[in-house]
Amino acid sequence: MTLHVPEHRFDPSAVRPVAARRPGADARPTRAPLLFVAALTFTLTALVAAGFAAVVTAWTFWSVLALALVTLTSAALSLGAATAVTGLVFPAREIARPRPGWQPRSRTAILLTLCGEDPRGPARTLMDLSRDLERAGMAAHTDIFVLSDTRPDKAEAEETALAPLIGMGRITYRRRVDNTGRKPGNIGDWLDRWGSEFDYMLVLDSDSRMGAERIRGMVHRMERSPATGLLQAGMRLLPPETRFGHLQRNAQRLMGPTFLTGFSAWTGDAGNYWGHNALIRVRAFRDAVPLPRLSGPAPLGGDVLSHDFVEAAWMRRAGWRIEIDADTRASAEDGPQTLSEYHKRDRRWCQGNLQHARLIATPGLHPISRLHMAVGIMGYVAAPLWLATLLLLASGAVTMQAGWMLLAVATLLLTPKICGIARLMRQTRGLHARAIVLRAGLIETVLSSLLAPIVMVHHVVSVGEVLLGRDCGWKGPSRHGMTLPAGAFEAAAGAAILAAVAVMNPAALVWVLPVALPLVLAPAIIRFMESPCRCIVAPS
């Protein structure tokens, strides 16, 4: 039985007005959040490493290796925990909002990119956005472009869906025949043809949404800050269809605002770009492109798949400010609704992020830009490192009190959730509403704990495939040969771990179970998570 909580549907105009400040530039971020997050990250990492060293009963080569792995992986978790704490401790920057009746002096192009997606959803989105721009008085200052890389076999359906918008003059539609350079090439082609006519471009994906008032506020902020090259908006997830979709949305509602506020605070003017829902100064983007083409074949060579991180780093290197607008109102995207969709997208991101290892030492990059790349790489490399640590401990090669290690890792993982819940409890009135927050947090923690080992195994496989030279392609058909039933591979991996531990070190079975048991039960967990359901949803 599930409890239905009314959801906040995406409202394009849901931007709460904030009184405009006196004329002048918005307050610049201070170095205090950066110093705070650095000190807290170092302290947490040092505590975990020291604690690990204190409970090791015999020092060998394997113990030293395990300590190195624990220190490296804990540093990544500590940074995430410290970012969430920073978002709780430091208030969001005060940003001046446009006064009623304010009109931009600039022109903005809204670019929606397509590459074979079902065009009916984007067509509805663009019709709504066009009307919203008219209501907000922004239509005279914006033009909407649909930039398509769709193959010819799907082009007719796309053109049919967009025909009413084209006929009414609400959009300019362009489909490339030669899809050179993928999405960066698509944007680059627009720059060559139309870029000189616009001051800013707002990039949207086929599944992303933005409201006209939010766009208006971002343009206002960019006009007040001539040194800002890119302004990345925070995002919410659209109402989902499955339990897995609900889990992602709950996680975003619980942890997203606090984490984004902290991330915006400590990254300052060296933020990041997530590929869409961002307002970009055309001149700044021209300074960043063309992106490098990596020598050698894919997966580690060729076109850079995770190009957004690189574009932000290149713009920052050219002297432009890259900022995060942590507000998530009137900015949204859709998330994958099944584990298979999630893993397919994650595989592309894994390959793209690992390519950054070849770019991270590029001369002239801002240190925080390098850190963004390092964290992105670690987001995938951490899985095989954690698995290696687990095997060292479970095999008995490293003798220690393993329960302490699990407690330390759990604390770091739970810190962003605790910070997010604390924020919501502070904002929520009434015992019933607070009970919903706590219940939603508990459900999210349990379900994400069950899925974590499954995701870890797929990360291990993805990293292994990249290192072995297997290219995932880009939005192409799956390259896997034999198709196994959902969860079968994970179940086999879990059974193998349990069997190996039972033979090598039976005493370790107790603390290996939280990792291995969800893998063994993966077929049932996946079926449960991919079924349609309306669950408890944390309030925004």
Protein backbone atom coordinates (compact mmCIF):
# COMPACT_ATOMS: atom_id res chain seq x y z
CA MET A 1 0.00 0.00 0.00
CA THR A 2 1.40 3.40 -0.91
CA LEU A 3 0.55 6.87 0.29
CA HIS A 4 -0.16 9.43 -2.40
CA VAL A 5 1.01 12.95 -1.72
CA PRO A 6 -0.15 15.63 -4.17
CA GLU A 7 2.73 16.53 -6.43
CA HIS A 8 3.89 19.96 -7.50
CA ARG A 9 3.41 19.92 -11.26
CA PHE A 10 5.86 21.90 -13.34
CA ASP A 11 4.65 25.48 -13.55
CA PRO A 12 6.54 27.59 -16.10
CA SER A 13 5.77 30.78 -14.22
CA ALA A 14 6.56 29.45 -10.75
CA VAL A 15 9.30 31.94 -9.95
CA ARG A 16 8.66 33.72 -6.69
CA PRO A 17 9.26 37.47 -7.14
CA VAL A 18 12.12 38.89 -5.14
CA ALA A 19 12.49 42.58 -4.56
CA ALA A 20 15.13 44.05 -6.82
CA ARG A 21 18.16 45.58 -5.11
CA ARG A 22 19.65 48.93 -5.93
CA PRO A 23 21.39 49.12 -9.32
CA GLY A 24 24.82 47.56 -9.55
CA ALA A 25 26.39 44.16 -9.84
CA ASP A 26 25.11 41.30 -7.73
CA ALA A 27 27.17 40.38 -4.69
CA ARG A 28 30.19 38.34 -5.69
CA PRO A 29 30.82 35.04 -3.92
CA THR A 30 33.45 35.09 -1.20
CA ARG A 31 36.24 32.60 -0.63
CA ALA A 32 34.77 31.52 2.72
CA PRO A 33 32.64 28.65 1.30
CA LEU A 34 35.62 27.32 -0.69
CA LEU A 35 37.88 27.39 2.34
CA PHE A 36 35.15 25.77 4.44
CA VAL A 37 34.49 22.93 1.99
CA ALA A 38 38.23 22.33 1.51
CA ALA A 39 38.86 22.15 5.25
CA LEU A 40 35.85 19.93 5.90
CA THR A 41 36.70 17.59 3.01
CA PHE A 42 40.29 17.23 4.24
CA THR A 43 39.15 16.66 7.84
CA LEU A 44 36.59 14.00 6.94
CA THR A 45 39.01 12.19 4.64
CA ALA A 46 41.74 12.28 7.28
CA LEU A 47 39.37 10.94 9.94
CA VAL A 48 38.32 8.01 7.74
CA ALA A 49 41.92 7.21 6.79
CA ALA A 50 43.15 7.49 10.38
CA GLY A 51 40.26 5.39 11.63
CA PHE A 52 40.99 2.72 9.03
CA ALA A 53 44.66 2.66 9.98
CA ALA A 54 43.75 2.38 13.69
CA VAL A 55 41.67 -0.78 13.26
CA VAL A 56 44.05 -2.65 10.94
CA THR A 57 45.50 -5.47 13.02
CA ALA A 58 48.42 -6.44 10.74
CA TRP A 59 50.25 -4.28 8.22
CA THR A 60 51.14 -5.88 4.91
CA PHE A 61 51.38 -4.75 1.30
CA TRP A 62 47.64 -5.42 0.97
CA SER A 63 46.89 -3.30 4.03
CA VAL A 64 48.80 -0.36 2.62
CA LEU A 65 47.00 -0.78 -0.72
CA ALA A 66 43.64 -0.90 1.04
CA LEU A 67 44.49 2.27 3.00
CA ALA A 68 45.36 4.07 -0.25
CA LEU A 69 42.10 2.95 -1.88
CA VAL A 70 40.03 3.94 1.16
CA THR A 71 41.68 7.38 1.33
CA LEU A 72 41.09 8.08 -2.36
CA THR A 73 37.47 6.95 -2.44
CA SER A 74 36.64 8.59 0.88
CA ALA A 75 37.93 11.91 -0.44
CA ALA A 76 35.26 11.85 -3.16
CA LEU A 77 32.52 10.98 -0.65
CA SER A 78 33.82 13.62 1.77
CA LEU A 79 33.62 16.31 -0.90
CA GLY A 80 29.98 15.44 -1.51
CA ALA A 81 29.21 15.50 2.22
CA ALA A 82 31.09 18.78 2.68
CA THR A 83 29.21 20.36 -0.24
CA ALA A 84 25.87 19.47 1.35
CA VAL A 85 26.96 20.88 4.73
CA THR A 86 28.14 24.03 2.97
CA GLY A 87 24.69 24.43 1.43
CA LEU A 88 23.17 24.21 4.89
CA VAL A 89 25.64 26.57 6.58
CA PHE A 90 26.03 29.26 3.93
CA PRO A 91 22.87 31.02 2.68
CA ALA A 92 22.22 31.25 -1.03
CA ARG A 93 23.58 34.35 -2.73
CA GLU A 94 21.16 37.26 -2.98
CA ILE A 95 20.39 37.79 -6.66
CA ALA A 96 18.57 40.85 -7.93
CA ARG A 97 15.41 40.01 -9.87
CA PRO A 98 14.05 42.14 -12.70
CA ARG A 99 11.44 44.71 -11.75
CA PRO A 100 7.96 44.40 -13.26
CA GLY A 101 8.02 45.65 -16.82
CA TRP A 102 11.78 45.23 -17.24
CA GLN A 103 12.76 44.41 -20.82
CA PRO A 104 16.11 43.04 -22.01
CA ARG A 105 18.45 45.10 -24.16
CA SER A 106 19.76 41.89 -25.69
CA ARG A 107 18.55 39.11 -27.97
CA THR A 108 18.44 35.48 -26.86
CA ALA A 109 18.20 32.36 -29.00
CA ILE A 110 16.54 29.34 -27.40
CA LEU A 111 18.11 26.24 -28.92
CA LEU A 112 16.38 22.88 -28.55
CA THR A 113 18.48 20.00 -29.88
CA LEU A 114 16.96 16.78 -31.24
CA CYS A 115 18.60 13.53 -32.24
CA GLY A 116 15.97 10.91 -33.00
CA GLU A 117 13.77 11.45 -29.94
CA ASP A 118 9.98 11.27 -30.18
CA PRO A 119 9.20 14.81 -31.43
CA ARG A 120 5.67 15.05 -30.04
CA GLY A 121 6.77 15.93 -26.51
CA PRO A 122 9.23 18.64 -27.62
CA ALA A 123 6.57 20.06 -29.96
CA ARG A 124 4.14 20.48 -27.05
CA THR A 125 6.91 21.93 -24.88
CA LEU A 126 7.86 24.51 -27.48
CA MET A 127 4.24 25.56 -28.04
CA ASP A 128 3.82 26.09 -24.29
CA LEU A 129 7.13 27.94 -24.06
CA SER A 130 6.29 30.18 -27.01
CA ARG A 131 2.99 31.21 -25.43
CA ASP A 132 4.69 31.68 -22.05
CA LEU A 133 7.26 33.99 -23.64
CA GLU A 134 4.45 36.08 -25.09
CA ARG A 135 2.73 36.37 -21.70
CA ALA A 136 6.01 37.42 -20.08
CA GLY A 137 6.74 40.04 -22.72
CA MET A 138 9.84 38.15 -23.84
CA ALA A 139 8.72 37.06 -27.31
CA ALA A 140 10.18 40.15 -28.99
CA HIS A 141 13.57 39.44 -27.42
CA THR A 142 13.83 35.70 -28.10
CA ASP A 143 13.81 33.34 -31.06
CA ILE A 144 13.34 29.59 -30.80
CA PHE A 145 15.43 27.23 -32.93
CA VAL A 146 15.07 23.47 -33.26
CA LEU A 147 18.44 22.03 -34.25
CA SER A 148 17.99 18.48 -35.45
CA ASP A 149 20.53 15.72 -35.98
CA THR A 150 17.79 13.16 -36.59
CA ARG A 151 18.44 10.48 -39.22
CA PRO A 152 16.45 10.61 -42.47
CA ASP A 153 14.30 7.59 -41.55
CA LYS A 154 12.80 9.54 -38.62
CA ALA A 155 12.86 13.00 -40.19
CA GLU A 156 9.34 12.89 -41.66
CA ALA A 157 7.70 12.24 -38.27
CA GLU A 158 9.76 15.03 -36.75
CA GLU A 159 8.83 17.52 -39.45
CA THR A 160 5.16 16.56 -39.18
CA ALA A 161 5.11 17.11 -35.41
CA LEU A 162 6.83 20.48 -35.71
CA ALA A 163 4.91 21.67 -38.79
CA PRO A 164 2.27 23.70 -36.84
CA LEU A 165 5.00 25.58 -34.98
CA ILE A 166 6.91 26.23 -38.19
CA GLY A 167 3.74 27.36 -39.96
CA MET A 168 2.88 29.85 -37.20
CA GLY A 169 6.41 31.22 -37.25
CA ARG A 170 7.03 30.25 -33.66
CA ILE A 171 10.24 28.30 -34.38
CA THR A 172 13.03 28.05 -36.91
CA TYR A 173 13.67 24.42 -37.79
CA ARG A 174 16.97 23.15 -39.21
CA ARG A 175 17.97 19.51 -39.72
CA ARG A 176 21.56 18.66 -40.58
CA VAL A 177 22.28 15.99 -43.16
CA ASP A 178 25.90 15.64 -42.04
CA ASN A 179 25.97 15.16 -38.25
CA THR A 180 29.65 16.00 -37.83
CA GLY A 181 30.68 16.60 -34.24
CA ARG A 182 27.42 15.39 -32.68
CA LYS A 183 25.77 17.94 -30.36
CA PRO A 184 28.78 20.33 -30.20
CA GLY A 185 28.88 20.27 -34.00
CA ASN A 186 25.14 20.94 -34.08
CA ILE A 187 25.53 24.00 -31.85
CA GLY A 188 28.64 25.05 -33.78
CA ASP A 189 26.70 24.98 -37.06
CA TRP A 190 24.08 27.29 -35.51
CA LEU A 191 26.84 29.64 -34.33
CA ASP A 192 28.23 29.86 -37.86
CA ARG A 193 24.83 30.57 -39.40
CA TRP A 194 23.00 32.67 -36.81
CA GLY A 195 25.29 33.29 -33.84
CA SER A 196 26.27 36.83 -34.81
CA GLU A 197 22.62 37.92 -34.51
CA PHE A 198 22.29 37.05 -30.80
CA ASP A 199 23.87 37.99 -27.49
CA TYR A 200 22.89 34.81 -25.62
CA MET A 201 21.81 31.27 -26.36
CA LEU A 202 19.74 29.13 -24.02
CA VAL A 203 20.41 25.44 -24.63
CA LEU A 204 17.62 22.91 -24.03
CA ASP A 205 17.51 19.16 -24.56
CA SER A 206 14.44 17.38 -25.90
CA ASP A 207 13.35 16.45 -22.36
CA SER A 208 14.11 19.72 -20.56
CA ARG A 209 11.81 22.62 -19.67
CA MET A 210 12.22 26.24 -18.66
CA GLY A 211 9.67 28.93 -17.86
CA ALA A 212 9.69 32.37 -19.47
CA GLU A 213 10.01 34.24 -16.15
CA ARG A 214 13.00 32.10 -15.22
CA ILE A 215 14.61 32.85 -18.59
CA ARG A 216 13.84 36.55 -18.09
CA GLY A 217 15.54 36.49 -14.69
CA MET A 218 18.63 34.77 -16.07
CA VAL A 219 18.93 37.27 -18.94
CA HIS A 220 18.61 40.09 -16.41
CA ARG A 221 21.42 38.59 -14.34
CA MET A 222 23.67 38.16 -17.38
CA GLU A 223 23.11 41.74 -18.52
CA ARG A 224 24.13 42.96 -15.04
CA SER A 225 27.30 40.84 -15.12
CA PRO A 226 29.19 41.37 -18.40
CA ALA A 227 31.98 39.03 -17.25
CA THR A 228 29.65 36.05 -16.85
CA GLY A 229 29.94 33.67 -19.78
CA LEU A 230 27.59 30.90 -18.65
CA LEU A 231 24.79 30.67 -16.11
CA GLN A 232 23.71 27.11 -15.33
CA ALA A 233 20.23 26.77 -13.84
CA GLY A 234 19.41 24.22 -11.18
CA MET A 235 16.80 21.68 -12.24
CA ARG A 236 13.94 19.62 -10.88
CA LEU A 237 12.76 16.31 -12.27
CA LEU A 238 9.43 16.12 -14.04
CA PRO A 239 6.67 13.91 -12.56
CA PRO A 240 7.75 10.30 -13.13
CA GLU A 241 6.01 7.14 -14.28
CA THR A 242 7.75 4.38 -12.31
CA ARG A 243 9.01 3.69 -8.81
CA PHE A 244 12.54 4.20 -10.10
CA GLY A 245 11.53 7.61 -11.45
CA HIS A 246 9.95 8.45 -8.09
CA LEU A 247 13.15 7.44 -6.31
CA GLN A 248 15.23 9.80 -8.43
CA ARG A 249 12.74 12.62 -7.93
CA ASN A 250 12.61 12.06 -4.19
CA ALA A 251 16.40 12.07 -4.02
CA GLN A 252 16.53 15.31 -5.97
CA ARG A 253 13.89 16.95 -3.77
CA LEU A 254 15.58 15.82 -0.58
CA MET A 255 19.21 16.52 -1.43
CA GLY A 256 19.23 18.66 -4.58
CA PRO A 257 18.55 22.19 -3.25
CA THR A 258 21.01 21.94 -0.35
CA PHE A 259 23.70 20.34 -2.50
CA LEU A 260 23.24 22.86 -5.33
CA THR A 261 23.39 25.80 -2.93
CA GLY A 262 26.64 24.49 -1.47
CA PHE A 263 28.06 23.68 -4.90
CA SER A 264 27.21 27.16 -6.19
CA ALA A 265 28.77 28.74 -3.11
CA TRP A 266 32.16 27.05 -3.17
CA THR A 267 32.66 26.89 -6.95
CA GLY A 268 31.98 30.63 -7.22
CA ASP A 269 32.93 31.90 -10.68
CA ALA A 270 34.37 28.53 -11.77
CA GLY A 271 31.15 26.51 -11.82
CA ASN A 272 30.18 23.86 -14.31
CA TYR A 273 27.87 23.20 -17.26
CA TRP A 274 25.51 20.22 -17.50
CA GLY A 275 24.69 20.45 -21.18
CA HIS A 276 21.26 22.08 -21.01
CA ASN A 277 19.08 24.56 -19.08
CA ALA A 278 21.94 27.05 -19.22
CA LEU A 279 22.15 30.58 -20.58
CA ILE A 280 25.40 31.12 -22.48
CA ARG A 281 26.94 34.32 -23.77
CA VAL A 282 27.57 33.70 -27.48
CA ARG A 283 30.87 35.55 -27.42
CA ALA A 284 32.11 33.44 -24.50
CA PHE A 285 31.14 30.20 -26.20
CA ARG A 286 32.97 31.27 -29.33
CA ASP A 287 36.07 31.72 -27.17
CA ALA A 288 35.72 28.09 -26.03
CA VAL A 289 35.13 26.33 -29.33
CA PRO A 290 36.17 24.36 -31.23
CA LEU A 291 36.66 21.60 -28.71
CA PRO A 292 39.72 19.38 -29.06
CA ARG A 293 39.39 16.08 -30.86
CA LEU A 294 41.31 13.49 -28.90
CA SER A 295 43.96 11.57 -30.79
CA GLY A 296 43.44 7.88 -31.35
CA PRO A 297 40.27 5.84 -31.67
CA ALA A 298 37.27 5.76 -29.32
CA PRO A 299 36.51 5.14 -26.51
CA LEU A 300 39.39 7.22 -25.08
CA GLY A 301 39.99 9.06 -28.35
CA GLY A 302 37.85 10.80 -30.93
CA ASP A 303 35.01 13.19 -30.07
CA VAL A 304 34.63 14.17 -26.42
CA LEU A 305 31.29 12.74 -25.27
CA SER A 306 31.00 14.72 -22.00
CA HIS A 307 31.63 17.96 -23.86
CA ASP A 308 29.74 20.22 -21.43
CA PHE A 309 32.39 20.01 -18.67
CA VAL A 310 35.07 20.82 -21.25
CA GLU A 311 33.16 23.75 -22.73
CA ALA A 312 32.79 25.27 -19.24
CA ALA A 313 36.48 24.71 -18.50
CA TRP A 314 37.52 26.28 -21.80
CA MET A 315 35.29 29.32 -21.24
CA ARG A 316 36.71 29.75 -17.73
CA ARG A 317 40.23 29.48 -19.14
CA ALA A 318 39.37 32.31 -21.56
CA GLY A 319 38.52 34.50 -18.54
CA TRP A 320 34.72 34.19 -18.44
CA ARG A 321 32.81 33.57 -15.22
CA ILE A 322 30.92 30.26 -15.03
CA GLU A 323 28.15 30.48 -12.43
CA ILE A 324 25.51 28.18 -10.95
CA ASP A 325 22.01 29.51 -10.30
CA ALA A 326 20.98 27.00 -7.63
CA ASP A 327 17.27 27.85 -7.81
CA THR A 328 15.36 24.88 -9.25
CA ARG A 329 12.02 26.60 -9.84
CA ALA A 330 10.69 26.75 -13.42
CA SER A 331 13.60 24.63 -14.65
CA ALA A 332 13.16 20.91 -15.12
CA GLU A 333 14.21 17.82 -17.00
CA ASP A 334 12.97 14.26 -17.38
CA GLY A 335 14.90 11.38 -15.87
CA PRO A 336 15.23 7.77 -17.05
CA GLN A 337 12.26 5.69 -15.94
CA THR A 338 13.93 2.26 -16.05
CA LEU A 339 17.23 0.84 -14.91
CA SER A 340 18.13 -0.12 -18.47
CA GLU A 341 17.62 3.48 -19.67
CA TYR A 342 19.66 4.72 -16.71
CA HIS A 343 22.54 2.31 -17.38
CA LYS A 344 22.59 3.17 -21.09
CA ARG A 345 22.87 6.89 -20.36
CA ASP A 346 25.37 6.26 -17.58
CA ARG A 347 27.57 4.23 -19.94
CA ARG A 348 27.92 7.25 -22.26
CA TRP A 349 28.71 9.50 -19.32
CA CYS A 350 31.29 7.02 -18.05
CA GLN A 351 33.12 7.01 -21.38
CA GLY A 352 32.93 10.79 -21.67
CA ASN A 353 34.15 11.41 -18.13
CA LEU A 354 37.05 8.99 -18.47
CA GLN A 355 38.12 10.89 -21.60
CA HIS A 356 38.65 13.89 -19.32
CA ALA A 357 41.74 12.15 -17.94
CA ARG A 358 43.42 13.21 -21.18
CA LEU A 359 42.31 16.84 -20.80
CA ILE A 360 42.69 17.50 -17.10
CA ALA A 361 46.32 18.59 -17.42
CA THR A 362 45.64 21.04 -20.28
CA PRO A 363 47.67 24.22 -19.63
CA GLY A 364 45.79 27.27 -18.39
CA LEU A 365 42.75 25.57 -16.85
CA HIS A 366 41.35 26.93 -13.61
CA PRO A 367 42.10 24.61 -10.64
CA ILE A 368 38.39 24.16 -9.93
CA SER A 369 37.78 23.25 -13.58
CA ARG A 370 40.37 20.50 -13.14
CA LEU A 371 38.59 19.46 -9.95
CA HIS A 372 35.26 19.16 -11.82
CA MET A 373 36.92 16.78 -14.26
CA ALA A 374 38.61 14.81 -11.46
CA VAL A 375 35.32 14.42 -9.57
CA GLY A 376 33.58 13.30 -12.78
CA ILE A 377 36.25 10.68 -13.39
CA MET A 378 36.11 9.54 -9.78
CA GLY A 379 32.34 9.16 -10.00
CA TYR A 380 32.94 6.06 -12.12
CA VAL A 381 36.42 4.91 -11.10
CA ALA A 382 35.25 4.80 -7.47
CA ALA A 383 33.15 1.69 -8.17
CA PRO A 384 36.04 -0.63 -9.10
CA LEU A 385 38.13 0.88 -6.29
CA TRP A 386 35.39 0.18 -3.73
CA LEU A 387 34.95 -3.32 -5.11
CA ALA A 388 38.69 -3.94 -4.85
CA THR A 389 38.64 -2.71 -1.24
CA LEU A 390 35.68 -4.95 -0.46
CA LEU A 391 37.43 -7.98 -1.91
CA LEU A 392 40.62 -7.24 0.03
CA LEU A 393 38.69 -7.08 3.28
CA ALA A 394 36.36 -9.98 2.54
CA SER A 395 39.17 -12.31 1.47
CA GLY A 396 41.04 -11.81 4.71
CA ALA A 397 44.05 -10.28 2.94
CA VAL A 398 43.51 -7.25 5.18
CA THR A 399 42.65 -8.00 8.78
CA MET A 400 40.64 -5.31 10.56
CA GLN A 401 37.32 -4.58 12.21
CA ALA A 402 35.33 -4.23 9.01
CA GLY A 403 32.18 -3.02 10.75
CA TRP A 404 33.89 0.29 11.48
CA MET A 405 34.59 0.76 7.78
CA LEU A 406 30.94 0.24 6.86
CA LEU A 407 29.89 2.76 9.52
CA ALA A 408 32.32 5.41 8.23
CA VAL A 409 31.20 5.02 4.61
CA ALA A 410 27.51 5.02 5.62
CA THR A 411 28.01 8.26 7.55
CA LEU A 412 29.53 10.02 4.54
CA LEU A 413 26.76 8.74 2.26
CA LEU A 414 24.01 9.78 4.67
CA THR A 415 25.32 13.29 5.33
CA PRO A 416 23.80 14.87 2.15
CA LYS A 417 20.47 13.20 2.97
CA ILE A 418 20.56 14.45 6.56
CA CYS A 419 21.39 17.99 5.40
CA GLY A 420 18.55 17.91 2.87
CA ILE A 421 16.06 16.64 5.44
CA ALA A 422 17.22 19.28 7.91
CA ARG A 423 16.55 21.99 5.31
CA LEU A 424 13.05 20.67 4.63
CA MET A 425 12.27 20.29 8.33
CA ARG A 426 13.32 23.89 8.83
CA GLN A 427 11.01 25.04 6.03
CA THR A 428 8.06 22.73 6.73
CA ARG A 429 5.26 23.60 9.15
CA GLY A 430 3.12 21.05 10.96
CA LEU A 431 3.75 17.59 12.34
CA HIS A 432 2.01 15.82 9.47
CA ALA A 433 4.14 17.55 6.80
CA ARG A 434 7.32 16.82 8.74
CA ALA A 435 6.30 13.20 9.13
CA ILE A 436 5.95 12.99 5.34
CA VAL A 437 9.48 14.42 4.94
CA LEU A 438 10.93 11.87 7.36
CA ARG A 439 9.03 8.99 5.76
CA ALA A 440 10.08 10.04 2.27
CA GLY A 441 13.68 10.28 3.46
CA LEU A 442 13.53 6.81 5.00
CA ILE A 443 12.04 5.25 1.85
CA GLU A 444 14.63 6.98 -0.36
CA THR A 445 17.47 5.75 1.88
CA VAL A 446 16.25 2.14 1.87
CA LEU A 447 15.61 1.97 -1.87
CA SER A 448 18.81 3.76 -2.87
CA SER A 449 20.76 1.37 -0.60
CA LEU A 450 19.25 -1.58 -2.45
CA LEU A 451 20.11 -0.08 -5.83
CA ALA A 452 23.63 1.07 -4.93
CA PRO A 453 25.31 -2.35 -5.38
CA ILE A 454 23.52 -2.82 -8.72
CA VAL A 455 24.77 0.55 -9.96
CA MET A 456 28.26 -0.22 -8.62
CA VAL A 457 28.46 -3.44 -10.66
CA HIS A 458 27.43 -1.60 -13.83
CA HIS A 459 30.01 1.11 -13.17
CA VAL A 460 32.69 -1.58 -12.79
CA VAL A 461 31.64 -3.12 -16.12
CA SER A 462 31.49 0.29 -17.84
CA VAL A 463 34.96 1.30 -16.68
CA GLY A 464 36.30 -2.10 -17.71
CA GLU A 465 34.76 -1.81 -21.18
CA VAL A 466 36.28 1.64 -21.71
CA LEU A 467 39.73 0.48 -20.59
CA LEU A 468 39.43 -2.54 -22.89
CA GLY A 469 38.67 -0.27 -25.84
CA ARG A 470 34.94 -0.83 -26.28
CA ASP A 471 33.14 2.22 -27.68
CA CYS A 472 29.54 2.74 -26.60
CA GLY A 473 28.74 4.97 -29.58
CA TRP A 474 26.29 7.85 -29.22
CA LYS A 475 22.58 7.13 -28.87
CA GLY A 476 23.07 4.11 -31.08
CA PRO A 477 21.72 0.59 -30.72
CA SER A 478 23.06 -1.58 -27.92
CA ARG A 479 26.27 -3.35 -28.82
CA HIS A 480 25.82 -6.22 -26.42
CA GLY A 481 25.56 -9.62 -28.07
CA MET A 482 23.51 -11.94 -25.89
CA THR A 483 20.72 -10.32 -23.90
CA LEU A 484 20.23 -11.65 -20.37
CA PRO A 485 17.04 -11.31 -18.35
CA ALA A 486 16.94 -8.13 -16.29
CA GLY A 487 19.01 -8.59 -13.14
CA ALA A 488 20.51 -11.95 -14.13
CA PHE A 489 24.05 -10.64 -14.48
CA GLU A 490 23.86 -8.80 -11.14
CA ALA A 491 22.44 -11.89 -9.42
CA ALA A 492 25.30 -14.00 -10.76
CA ALA A 493 27.83 -11.43 -9.55
CA GLY A 494 26.28 -11.37 -6.08
CA ALA A 495 26.23 -15.17 -5.86
CA ALA A 496 29.88 -15.29 -6.94
CA ILE A 497 30.89 -12.79 -4.25
CA LEU A 498 29.03 -14.75 -1.56
CA ALA A 499 30.54 -18.05 -2.71
CA ALA A 500 34.07 -16.63 -2.79
CA VAL A 501 33.75 -15.09 0.69
CA ALA A 502 32.23 -18.29 2.08
CA VAL A 503 35.30 -20.21 0.91
CA MET A 504 38.02 -17.66 1.76
CA ASN A 505 36.73 -15.94 4.91
CA PRO A 506 33.30 -17.12 6.20
CA ALA A 507 33.43 -14.66 9.10
CA ALA A 508 33.11 -11.78 6.62
CA LEU A 509 29.75 -12.96 5.27
CA VAL A 510 27.81 -10.87 7.79
CA TRP A 511 29.10 -7.50 6.58
CA VAL A 512 29.34 -8.53 2.91
CA LEU A 513 25.61 -9.29 2.83
CA PRO A 514 24.50 -5.61 2.53
CA VAL A 515 26.37 -5.51 -0.78
CA ALA A 516 25.89 -9.03 -2.11
CA LEU A 517 22.27 -9.65 -1.11
CA PRO A 518 20.78 -6.79 -3.23
CA LEU A 519 22.74 -8.20 -6.17
CA VAL A 520 21.32 -11.67 -5.65
CA LEU A 521 17.83 -10.16 -5.41
CA ALA A 522 18.40 -7.85 -8.40
CA PRO A 523 15.76 -9.45 -10.68
CA ALA A 524 13.03 -8.84 -8.09
CA ILE A 525 14.35 -5.38 -7.15
CA ILE A 526 14.45 -4.26 -10.79
CA ARG A 527 10.92 -5.50 -11.46
CA PHE A 528 9.69 -3.68 -8.38
CA MET A 529 11.48 -0.43 -9.23
CA GLU A 530 10.35 -0.37 -12.87
CA SER A 531 6.67 -0.94 -12.09
CA PRO A 532 4.29 2.05 -12.19
CA CYS A 533 3.41 3.41 -8.79
CA ARG A 534 2.70 6.63 -6.94
CA CYS A 535 4.84 6.77 -3.83
CA ILE A 536 5.48 9.16 -1.00
CA VAL A 537 7.03 12.32 -2.41
CA ALA A 538 9.05 14.79 -0.38
CA PRO A 539 7.75 18.37 -0.65
CA SER A 540 9.95 20.84 -2.50
